Protein backbone atom coordinates (compact mmCIF):
# COMPACT_ATOMS: atom_id res chain seq x y z
CA MET A 1 -4.62 -26.13 -3.25
CA SER A 2 -5.24 -22.40 -3.45
CA TYR A 3 -3.32 -21.33 -0.33
CA ARG A 4 0.06 -21.87 1.25
CA LYS A 5 0.17 -24.23 4.23
CA LEU A 6 3.41 -22.74 5.62
CA SER A 7 4.12 -26.10 7.31
CA ARG A 8 1.31 -25.55 9.84
CA SER A 9 -2.16 -26.85 10.51
CA SER A 10 -5.08 -24.47 10.04
CA GLY A 11 -5.25 -23.00 13.56
CA PRO A 12 -1.58 -22.12 13.97
CA ARG A 13 -1.45 -20.89 10.35
CA ARG A 14 -4.38 -18.53 10.94
CA ALA A 15 -2.80 -17.27 14.19
CA LEU A 16 0.54 -16.71 12.41
CA LEU A 17 -1.11 -14.70 9.63
CA ARG A 18 -3.15 -12.59 12.06
CA ASN A 19 -0.01 -11.88 14.12
CA GLN A 20 2.00 -10.96 11.03
CA VAL A 21 -0.72 -8.66 9.66
CA THR A 22 -1.10 -6.98 13.06
CA SER A 23 2.67 -6.46 13.36
CA PHE A 24 2.92 -5.23 9.77
CA LEU A 25 0.19 -2.63 10.24
CA ARG A 26 1.68 -1.51 13.58
CA GLU A 27 5.23 -1.08 12.27
CA GLY A 28 4.62 -0.26 8.61
CA ARG A 29 7.21 -2.83 7.52
CA ILE A 30 8.33 -6.31 8.50
CA GLU A 31 11.11 -8.65 7.47
CA THR A 32 9.92 -12.16 6.72
CA THR A 33 10.25 -15.00 4.23
CA GLN A 34 9.03 -14.67 0.65
CA ALA A 35 6.27 -17.27 1.13
CA LYS A 36 4.89 -15.57 4.25
CA ALA A 37 5.05 -12.12 2.66
CA ASP A 38 3.19 -13.37 -0.43
CA THR A 39 0.49 -14.78 1.86
CA ILE A 40 0.27 -11.73 4.17
CA ARG A 41 0.13 -9.11 1.41
CA PRO A 42 -3.47 -9.65 0.22
CA LEU A 43 -4.71 -9.88 3.82
CA ALA A 44 -3.06 -6.58 4.76
CA GLU A 45 -4.39 -4.90 1.62
CA LYS A 46 -7.88 -6.13 2.47
CA MET A 47 -7.60 -4.54 5.93
CA ILE A 48 -6.52 -1.24 4.37
CA THR A 49 -9.44 -1.41 1.93
CA LEU A 50 -11.81 -1.96 4.85
CA ALA A 51 -10.32 1.07 6.61
CA LYS A 52 -10.73 3.19 3.48
CA ARG A 53 -14.39 2.21 3.34
CA GLY A 54 -14.80 3.41 6.91
CA GLY A 55 -17.92 2.94 8.99
CA LEU A 56 -18.71 0.87 12.02
CA HIS A 57 -19.20 -2.42 10.17
CA ALA A 58 -15.82 -2.17 8.43
CA ARG A 59 -14.14 -1.30 11.75
CA ARG A 60 -15.69 -4.34 13.41
CA GLN A 61 -14.64 -6.58 10.53
CA ALA A 62 -11.05 -5.33 10.84
CA ALA A 63 -11.14 -5.69 14.65
CA ALA A 64 -12.30 -9.30 14.24
CA TYR A 65 -9.09 -10.10 12.37
CA ILE A 66 -6.47 -7.76 13.89
CA TYR A 67 -5.42 -8.65 17.43
CA ASP A 68 -4.66 -5.15 18.78
CA GLU A 69 -7.35 -2.46 19.07
CA ASP A 70 -4.70 0.27 18.93
CA VAL A 71 -3.61 -1.05 15.54
CA VAL A 72 -7.22 -0.91 14.31
CA THR A 73 -7.42 2.73 15.44
CA GLN A 74 -4.10 3.51 13.74
CA LEU A 75 -5.30 1.76 10.58
CA PHE A 76 -8.50 3.79 10.36
CA GLU A 77 -7.09 7.15 11.49
CA THR A 78 -3.62 7.33 9.91
CA ILE A 79 -3.00 4.60 7.33
CA ALA A 80 -6.33 4.75 5.47
CA PRO A 81 -6.26 8.55 4.88
CA ARG A 82 -2.72 8.23 3.45
CA MET A 83 -3.95 5.60 0.98
CA GLU A 84 -7.17 7.40 0.04
CA GLU A 85 -6.10 8.32 -3.50
CA ARG A 86 -4.67 4.86 -4.29
CA GLU A 87 -6.83 2.21 -5.93
CA GLY A 88 -4.86 -0.67 -4.47
CA GLY A 89 -1.22 -1.68 -4.35
CA TYR A 90 -0.71 -0.41 -0.81
CA THR A 91 2.27 -2.68 -0.12
CA ARG A 92 5.62 -3.44 -1.69
CA ILE A 93 7.89 -6.47 -1.38
CA VAL A 94 11.63 -5.81 -1.56
CA LYS A 95 13.93 -8.84 -1.81
CA LYS A 96 16.71 -8.80 0.75
CA GLY A 97 18.65 -12.03 0.23
CA VAL A 98 18.71 -15.46 1.81
CA ARG A 99 18.57 -16.40 5.47
CA ARG A 100 21.87 -17.75 6.72
CA GLY A 101 20.49 -20.70 8.68
CA ASP A 102 18.34 -22.43 6.08
CA GLY A 103 18.74 -20.44 2.86
CA ALA A 104 15.13 -19.25 2.82
CA PRO A 105 14.58 -16.14 0.68
CA VAL A 106 14.03 -13.13 2.97
CA VAL A 107 12.09 -10.04 1.91
CA ILE A 108 10.91 -6.76 3.43
CA LEU A 109 7.17 -6.14 3.22
CA GLU A 110 6.43 -2.42 3.58
CA LEU A 111 3.66 0.09 3.11
CA VAL A 112 3.91 2.33 0.06
CA ASN A 113 4.10 5.97 1.08
């Protein structure tokens, strides 16, 4: 299979990923498990690429995926201009350690400045 199931069926998995991408773009960094970060990263980078492209169609495509309209505005007006000179690689994953309860590897997913 070419995607991670994250122990969820398709609907809850899609909702989880949309929530995580929305939160990540709002805050600029999130702390999550390695598996979720590896799954979220390409989705967030795709949203940033859409914002760099600009235009109404790209904004509507981003708004169809991101839950919060304020985050879409922030993405197009502040994040995309900062990433204009980059050809990709907008995010970084920094390993933090393991979670105390279940030993899951925890990482910080953040935007590259």
